[in-house]
Amino acid sequence: MWRRTPSSTAGSGDRKGALAAIPDEVVDQLVVHGPVDECRAHVQRYVDNGVTIAAPMVIPIGIDLADAVAGLSPSAD
């Protein structure tokens, strides 16, 4: 899953190298991001796999915070 580099990029202060060592697909699996409907589906995958309390940190971009939170509700379908 992780690509190893010859030196510890994170420990050496090489932020760009550390970020490059994390595959995009790992970020996509861990970080809920994108349009509200995709985010709701991503959170649902967590719930389907055993998460009992989802507590996302909502940072809306291009949408009102209240609309983003309402759109994440399971009843928003």
Protein backbone atom coordinates (compact mmCIF):
# COMPACT_ATOMS: atom_id res chain seq x y z
CA MET A 1 0.00 0.00 0.00
CA TRP A 2 2.77 2.47 0.90
CA ARG A 3 5.77 3.12 -1.28
CA ARG A 4 8.99 3.09 0.69
CA THR A 5 11.68 5.60 -0.12
CA PRO A 6 15.39 5.20 0.65
CA SER A 7 15.21 7.80 3.41
CA SER A 8 12.37 8.59 5.74
CA THR A 9 10.85 11.51 3.85
CA ALA A 10 8.41 12.42 6.61
CA GLY A 11 11.10 12.29 9.29
CA SER A 12 13.55 14.31 7.23
CA GLY A 13 11.14 17.20 6.70
CA ASP A 14 10.60 16.37 3.01
CA ARG A 15 6.89 17.17 2.91
CA LYS A 16 6.63 16.88 -0.88
CA GLY A 17 8.38 13.51 -0.79
CA ALA A 18 6.16 12.30 2.04
CA LEU A 19 3.01 13.34 0.17
CA ALA A 20 4.26 11.69 -3.02
CA ALA A 21 4.75 8.44 -1.10
CA ILE A 22 1.02 8.24 -0.31
CA PRO A 23 -0.88 6.80 -3.28
CA ASP A 24 -3.95 8.78 -4.41
CA GLU A 25 -6.14 5.69 -4.00
CA VAL A 26 -5.24 5.53 -0.28
CA VAL A 27 -6.27 9.16 0.16
CA ASP A 28 -9.50 8.50 -1.75
CA GLN A 29 -10.31 5.56 0.54
CA LEU A 30 -9.63 7.46 3.75
CA VAL A 31 -10.70 11.03 3.06
CA VAL A 32 -14.35 11.79 2.33
CA HIS A 33 -14.33 14.46 -0.37
CA GLY A 34 -16.24 15.52 -3.44
CA PRO A 35 -19.87 16.31 -4.24
CA VAL A 36 -22.36 15.85 -1.38
CA ASP A 37 -23.95 12.71 -2.87
CA GLU A 38 -20.54 11.04 -3.28
CA CYS A 39 -19.58 12.03 0.29
CA ARG A 40 -22.84 10.59 1.62
CA ALA A 41 -22.15 7.31 -0.23
CA HIS A 42 -18.57 7.24 1.15
CA VAL A 43 -19.80 7.72 4.73
CA GLN A 44 -22.39 4.99 4.10
CA ARG A 45 -19.56 2.59 3.14
CA TYR A 46 -17.98 3.27 6.55
CA VAL A 47 -21.32 2.54 8.24
CA ASP A 48 -21.81 -0.60 6.14
CA ASN A 49 -18.41 -1.79 7.39
CA GLY A 50 -19.12 -1.31 11.08
CA VAL A 51 -18.75 2.37 11.94
CA THR A 52 -21.53 3.13 14.41
CA ILE A 53 -21.00 6.87 14.87
CA ALA A 54 -19.83 8.87 11.89
CA ALA A 55 -18.45 12.24 12.95
CA PRO A 56 -17.17 13.97 9.82
CA MET A 57 -15.45 17.34 9.87
CA VAL A 58 -17.40 19.19 7.20
CA ILE A 59 -15.39 21.76 5.25
CA PRO A 60 -17.72 22.95 2.49
CA ILE A 61 -16.22 24.40 -0.66
CA GLY A 62 -18.64 26.16 -2.97
CA ILE A 63 -21.66 25.21 -0.88
CA ASP A 64 -23.24 26.59 2.29
CA LEU A 65 -22.29 24.67 5.46
CA ALA A 66 -25.94 24.04 6.39
CA ASP A 67 -26.65 22.68 2.89
CA ALA A 68 -23.58 20.42 3.05
CA VAL A 69 -24.57 18.99 6.43
CA ALA A 70 -28.18 18.50 5.34
CA GLY A 71 -26.97 16.80 2.15
CA LEU A 72 -24.91 14.30 4.14
CA SER A 73 -27.97 13.10 6.04
CA PRO A 74 -29.09 9.56 5.18
CA SER A 75 -32.57 10.98 4.69
CA ALA A 76 -31.31 13.36 1.97
CA ASP A 77 -31.81 10.74 -0.76
